[in-house]
Amino acid sequence: MTLEIDTGSGLMPVHVWEGSGPGLLLLQEIFGVSEYIQERGAQLAALGYHVVAPEIFWRLDDVDLDPDATDLLDRALAVLDRLDWDLAVSDSIAALEYLRGRDTPVGVIGYCFGGGLGFNVAAAADPDVLVSYYGSALPNLLPLAPDVTAASLHHFGDADDYLPRATVDKIVAELGDAEVHRYPGAGHAFDNPMPAFHHAEASAQAWQRTTEFLSRQLPPEGNE
């Protein structure tokens, strides 16, 4: 279902998958809350989590992210160029506070753009857990690393053109005791099912590790 959350400066649309356990803030890729992100939301809810995925681009006009467009990536990058990062962080925190209103532990899981955004949210709002898939903004966010106290899991592909190995090495060096996994042969957005991105083995391994991590650090059965 969808609803609207008061951000203090407007009503932000969010997608909700209801569960009786802890809350999970699901942060989108640059392609928006796509069918892929919605599928992940439903899968997380099936594990027992109450999942909220905000429409981070809601403040922008003329956003057209037609998944069948041949220039989808260019369109998405153009949208990202118009985004106010600080507002995206505060909007995400508003969604996290909405989840906290259920009086359960809360976590953040983000993909690509959302992986970096989630890291920033974790530094600013102290969720219980963070899962970040190849956070594209991480190289610019490393000064925030000491403020991320949540139990954290990070996934990176070793064939990522956006986050090359040397860059990931620098990121990992700043992540402290976070759990980190790197996937040989996997490029950026390897979990996305689009043929241009998908790496089936890495996707399956990362999802298994994600669900196992969540079951340890944010167990759904302990909060029903």
Protein backbone atom coordinates (compact mmCIF):
# COMPACT_ATOMS: atom_id res chain seq x y z
CA MET A 1 0.00 0.00 0.00
CA THR A 2 0.99 3.65 -0.22
CA LEU A 3 0.54 6.52 2.20
CA GLU A 4 2.02 9.95 2.90
CA ILE A 5 4.41 10.94 5.68
CA ASP A 6 4.68 14.50 6.99
CA THR A 7 8.27 15.64 6.51
CA GLY A 8 7.67 19.02 8.13
CA SER A 9 7.75 20.69 4.72
CA GLY A 10 5.30 18.60 2.77
CA LEU A 11 3.77 15.16 2.47
CA MET A 12 6.09 12.50 1.06
CA PRO A 13 4.58 9.43 -0.62
CA VAL A 14 5.89 6.12 0.68
CA HIS A 15 5.30 2.48 -0.15
CA VAL A 16 4.52 0.21 2.79
CA TRP A 17 4.69 -3.56 3.21
CA GLU A 18 3.21 -4.44 6.56
CA GLY A 19 4.88 -6.77 9.01
CA SER A 20 4.63 -7.24 12.75
CA GLY A 21 8.37 -7.14 13.45
CA PRO A 22 11.02 -4.41 13.38
CA GLY A 23 10.87 -1.56 10.91
CA LEU A 24 13.08 -1.39 7.82
CA LEU A 25 13.64 1.77 5.82
CA LEU A 26 14.21 0.68 2.21
CA LEU A 27 16.06 3.26 0.13
CA GLN A 28 15.82 3.18 -3.64
CA GLU A 29 18.34 3.19 -6.47
CA ILE A 30 18.46 6.16 -8.84
CA PHE A 31 15.69 4.47 -10.83
CA GLY A 32 13.16 5.21 -8.11
CA VAL A 33 10.96 2.77 -6.20
CA SER A 34 10.99 0.43 -9.17
CA GLU A 35 9.40 -3.00 -9.50
CA TYR A 36 12.73 -4.45 -8.36
CA ILE A 37 12.79 -2.35 -5.18
CA GLN A 38 9.14 -3.16 -4.55
CA GLU A 39 9.91 -6.86 -4.91
CA ARG A 40 12.66 -6.53 -2.32
CA GLY A 41 10.21 -4.71 -0.05
CA ALA A 42 7.71 -7.55 -0.33
CA GLN A 43 10.41 -10.14 0.33
CA LEU A 44 11.59 -8.32 3.45
CA ALA A 45 8.01 -8.07 4.69
CA ALA A 46 7.60 -11.81 4.13
CA LEU A 47 10.50 -12.29 6.55
CA GLY A 48 8.50 -10.37 9.18
CA TYR A 49 9.70 -6.78 8.78
CA HIS A 50 7.53 -3.68 8.46
CA VAL A 51 9.03 -2.01 5.40
CA VAL A 52 8.74 1.57 4.19
CA ALA A 53 10.22 2.79 0.90
CA PRO A 54 9.93 6.56 0.43
CA GLU A 55 9.75 8.20 -2.99
CA ILE A 56 12.96 10.18 -2.57
CA PHE A 57 12.41 12.15 -5.80
CA TRP A 58 8.98 13.39 -4.72
CA ARG A 59 10.04 17.05 -4.51
CA LEU A 60 11.19 17.16 -8.14
CA ASP A 61 9.01 18.00 -11.14
CA ASP A 62 9.05 16.16 -14.46
CA VAL A 63 10.59 12.93 -13.24
CA ASP A 64 10.17 10.32 -15.98
CA LEU A 65 11.88 7.04 -15.16
CA ASP A 66 10.09 4.78 -17.62
CA PRO A 67 11.78 1.38 -17.09
CA ASP A 68 11.47 0.65 -20.82
CA ALA A 69 13.23 3.85 -21.91
CA THR A 70 16.44 3.18 -23.81
CA ASP A 71 18.03 6.18 -22.08
CA LEU A 72 16.85 5.25 -18.58
CA LEU A 73 20.28 5.58 -16.99
CA ASP A 74 20.81 9.04 -18.50
CA ARG A 75 17.35 10.11 -17.31
CA ALA A 76 18.06 8.85 -13.80
CA LEU A 77 21.43 10.59 -13.63
CA ALA A 78 19.80 13.84 -14.77
CA VAL A 79 17.23 13.51 -11.98
CA LEU A 80 19.99 12.89 -9.48
CA ASP A 81 21.74 16.07 -10.60
CA ARG A 82 18.64 18.02 -9.54
CA LEU A 83 18.28 16.36 -6.15
CA ASP A 84 18.97 18.24 -2.93
CA TRP A 85 21.03 15.71 -0.96
CA ASP A 86 20.38 17.28 2.44
CA LEU A 87 16.63 17.20 1.84
CA ALA A 88 16.89 13.58 0.72
CA VAL A 89 18.61 12.77 4.02
CA SER A 90 16.03 14.64 6.10
CA ASP A 91 13.15 13.07 4.16
CA SER A 92 14.64 9.63 4.77
CA ILE A 93 15.00 10.38 8.46
CA ALA A 94 11.33 11.41 8.56
CA ALA A 95 10.44 7.97 7.21
CA LEU A 96 12.75 6.34 9.76
CA GLU A 97 11.06 8.28 12.57
CA TYR A 98 7.68 7.12 11.26
CA LEU A 99 8.93 3.54 11.68
CA ARG A 100 10.22 4.33 15.16
CA GLY A 101 6.70 5.37 16.06
CA ARG A 102 5.76 1.69 16.00
CA ASP A 103 7.98 1.24 19.08
CA THR A 104 10.23 -1.43 17.57
CA PRO A 105 13.89 -1.48 16.58
CA VAL A 106 14.57 -0.04 13.13
CA GLY A 107 17.05 -0.65 10.35
CA VAL A 108 18.05 0.84 7.02
CA ILE A 109 18.73 -1.02 3.77
CA GLY A 110 19.72 0.85 0.62
CA TYR A 111 20.82 0.07 -2.91
CA CYS A 112 23.34 2.09 -4.97
CA PHE A 113 22.19 5.71 -4.49
CA GLY A 114 20.19 4.44 -1.52
CA GLY A 115 23.24 2.63 -0.14
CA GLY A 116 25.08 5.92 0.25
CA LEU A 117 21.97 7.73 1.42
CA GLY A 118 21.41 5.02 4.02
CA PHE A 119 24.96 5.47 5.30
CA ASN A 120 24.31 9.20 5.77
CA VAL A 121 21.00 8.46 7.50
CA ALA A 122 22.72 5.97 9.79
CA ALA A 123 25.30 8.61 10.77
CA ALA A 124 22.61 11.19 11.50
CA ALA A 125 19.80 9.15 13.02
CA ASP A 126 21.37 6.07 14.66
CA PRO A 127 19.26 3.12 13.47
CA ASP A 128 19.93 -0.32 14.90
CA VAL A 129 21.28 -1.81 11.66
CA LEU A 130 22.46 -0.71 8.22
CA VAL A 131 22.71 -2.77 5.04
CA SER A 132 24.34 -0.97 2.11
CA TYR A 133 24.63 -2.36 -1.38
CA TYR A 134 27.47 -0.67 -3.31
CA GLY A 135 26.72 2.78 -1.92
CA SER A 136 27.70 5.08 -4.78
CA ALA A 137 28.11 8.17 -2.58
CA LEU A 138 30.29 6.45 0.03
CA PRO A 139 33.62 7.93 -1.17
CA ASN A 140 32.32 11.41 -0.31
CA LEU A 141 30.72 10.34 2.97
CA LEU A 142 33.65 8.70 4.73
CA PRO A 143 34.11 11.57 7.22
CA LEU A 144 30.76 10.40 8.66
CA ALA A 145 32.05 6.88 9.32
CA PRO A 146 32.78 7.46 13.04
CA ASP A 147 29.14 8.47 13.51
CA VAL A 148 27.77 5.22 12.07
CA THR A 149 27.38 3.07 15.16
CA ALA A 150 24.78 0.66 13.77
CA ALA A 151 25.69 -2.94 13.10
CA SER A 152 26.54 -2.68 9.41
CA LEU A 153 26.78 -4.89 6.34
CA HIS A 154 28.25 -3.69 3.02
CA HIS A 155 28.27 -5.39 -0.38
CA PHE A 156 30.63 -4.43 -3.24
CA GLY A 157 31.32 -5.88 -6.68
CA ASP A 158 34.97 -6.29 -7.64
CA ALA A 159 34.21 -5.32 -11.26
CA ASP A 160 32.39 -2.09 -10.36
CA ASP A 161 33.23 0.77 -12.76
CA TYR A 162 31.73 3.36 -10.40
CA LEU A 163 33.48 2.06 -7.30
CA PRO A 164 36.77 0.53 -8.50
CA ARG A 165 38.74 -1.77 -6.26
CA ALA A 166 41.14 0.89 -5.02
CA THR A 167 38.20 3.09 -4.04
CA VAL A 168 36.49 0.22 -2.25
CA ASP A 169 39.76 -0.51 -0.43
CA LYS A 170 39.72 3.04 0.93
CA ILE A 171 36.06 2.74 1.91
CA VAL A 172 36.56 -0.56 3.70
CA ALA A 173 39.50 0.86 5.63
CA GLU A 174 37.16 3.45 7.15
CA LEU A 175 34.26 1.14 7.99
CA GLY A 176 35.64 -0.17 11.26
CA ASP A 177 34.11 -3.48 12.31
CA ALA A 178 31.40 -3.50 9.64
CA GLU A 179 30.78 -6.80 7.86
CA VAL A 180 31.98 -6.43 4.26
CA HIS A 181 31.64 -8.78 1.31
CA ARG A 182 33.18 -8.36 -2.14
CA TYR A 183 32.02 -10.30 -5.19
CA PRO A 184 34.43 -11.31 -7.98
CA GLY A 185 33.17 -10.46 -11.45
CA ALA A 186 30.20 -8.45 -10.19
CA GLY A 187 29.73 -4.90 -11.44
CA HIS A 188 27.79 -1.98 -10.08
CA ALA A 189 24.11 -2.64 -9.30
CA PHE A 190 24.72 -6.38 -9.54
CA ASP A 191 21.55 -7.09 -7.56
CA ASN A 192 19.35 -5.25 -10.06
CA PRO A 193 17.64 -7.79 -12.37
CA MET A 194 18.16 -5.67 -15.50
CA PRO A 195 20.40 -7.68 -17.87
CA ALA A 196 22.85 -4.79 -18.14
CA PHE A 197 23.61 -5.01 -14.41
CA HIS A 198 22.60 -8.38 -13.01
CA HIS A 199 25.13 -10.87 -11.69
CA ALA A 200 23.09 -13.89 -10.61
CA GLU A 201 25.64 -15.52 -8.32
CA ALA A 202 26.59 -12.33 -6.52
CA SER A 203 22.94 -11.33 -6.18
CA ALA A 204 21.99 -14.64 -4.61
CA GLN A 205 24.97 -14.67 -2.25
CA ALA A 206 24.40 -11.07 -1.16
CA TRP A 207 20.71 -11.66 -0.51
CA GLN A 208 21.45 -14.75 1.60
CA ARG A 209 24.04 -12.82 3.58
CA THR A 210 21.63 -9.92 3.99
CA THR A 211 18.83 -12.06 5.36
CA GLU A 212 21.22 -13.91 7.68
CA PHE A 213 22.65 -10.62 8.92
CA LEU A 214 19.19 -9.21 9.58
CA SER A 215 18.11 -12.37 11.37
CA ARG A 216 21.07 -11.97 13.73
CA GLN A 217 21.10 -8.22 14.22
CA LEU A 218 17.39 -7.35 13.84
CA PRO A 219 15.50 -10.61 14.45
CA PRO A 220 11.85 -10.35 13.43
CA GLU A 221 10.62 -13.08 15.73
CA GLY A 222 11.82 -11.21 18.82
CA ASN A 223 9.47 -8.29 18.21
CA GLU A 224 6.15 -9.84 17.20
